[in-house]
Amino acid sequence: MTGNDNSKLLHDLRSKCSSLKSAAELYKDCSAAEKKEMLALMNAAAAEITKLLAQLDKA
């Protein structure tokens, strides 16, 4: 994997981490229905973070 590919992976990782952090901060102010939806979004972001970390580990 090239340095440019690593840069994109790192950019994507930072973006997903930032999104997850923002969602976690908003979570406490959500209604019960919104919390369920927010958790689904947070789980998806966490899964993507795990995938990106695995790709970086292989690089």
Protein backbone atom coordinates (compact mmCIF):
# COMPACT_ATOMS: atom_id res chain seq x y z
CA MET A 1 0.00 0.00 0.00
CA THR A 2 1.34 3.40 -0.89
CA GLY A 3 1.77 6.36 1.40
CA ASN A 4 -1.09 8.05 -0.42
CA ASP A 5 -3.34 5.07 0.36
CA ASN A 6 -2.30 5.28 4.01
CA SER A 7 -3.12 8.98 4.03
CA LYS A 8 -6.62 8.25 2.77
CA LEU A 9 -7.09 5.49 5.35
CA LEU A 10 -5.94 7.82 8.12
CA HIS A 11 -8.22 10.59 6.87
CA ASP A 12 -11.17 8.20 6.81
CA LEU A 13 -10.26 6.91 10.28
CA ARG A 14 -10.12 10.43 11.72
CA SER A 15 -13.47 11.23 10.12
CA LYS A 16 -15.19 8.12 11.51
CA CYS A 17 -13.70 8.68 14.97
CA SER A 18 -14.89 12.28 14.93
CA SER A 19 -18.38 11.18 13.89
CA LEU A 20 -18.48 8.57 16.65
CA LYS A 21 -17.33 11.11 19.24
CA SER A 22 -19.97 13.61 18.14
CA ALA A 23 -22.70 10.97 18.28
CA ALA A 24 -21.61 9.94 21.78
CA GLU A 25 -21.80 13.56 22.94
CA LEU A 26 -25.29 13.98 21.47
CA TYR A 27 -26.58 10.64 22.77
CA LYS A 28 -27.48 11.85 26.27
CA ASP A 29 -29.88 14.47 24.88
CA CYS A 30 -31.75 12.08 22.57
CA SER A 31 -35.22 10.68 23.10
CA ALA A 32 -35.56 6.92 23.55
CA ALA A 33 -36.34 6.44 19.85
CA GLU A 34 -33.47 8.67 18.83
CA LYS A 35 -31.11 6.80 21.16
CA LYS A 36 -31.93 3.55 19.37
CA GLU A 37 -31.20 5.15 16.00
CA MET A 38 -28.07 6.83 17.34
CA LEU A 39 -26.77 3.51 18.70
CA ALA A 40 -27.25 1.93 15.27
CA LEU A 41 -25.25 4.76 13.68
CA MET A 42 -22.55 4.48 16.36
CA ASN A 43 -22.29 0.71 15.83
CA ALA A 44 -21.91 1.23 12.09
CA ALA A 45 -19.18 3.83 12.65
CA ALA A 46 -17.40 1.53 15.11
CA ALA A 47 -17.52 -1.33 12.59
CA GLU A 48 -16.04 0.94 9.92
CA ILE A 49 -13.31 2.05 12.34
CA THR A 50 -12.45 -1.60 13.00
CA LYS A 51 -12.29 -2.25 9.25
CA LEU A 52 -10.04 0.76 8.66
CA LEU A 53 -7.71 -0.29 11.50
CA ALA A 54 -7.42 -3.76 9.99
CA GLN A 55 -6.51 -2.22 6.63
CA LEU A 56 -3.87 -0.04 8.28
CA ASP A 57 -2.48 -3.05 10.11
CA LYS A 58 -1.98 -4.82 6.76
CA ALA A 59 -0.31 -1.78 5.20
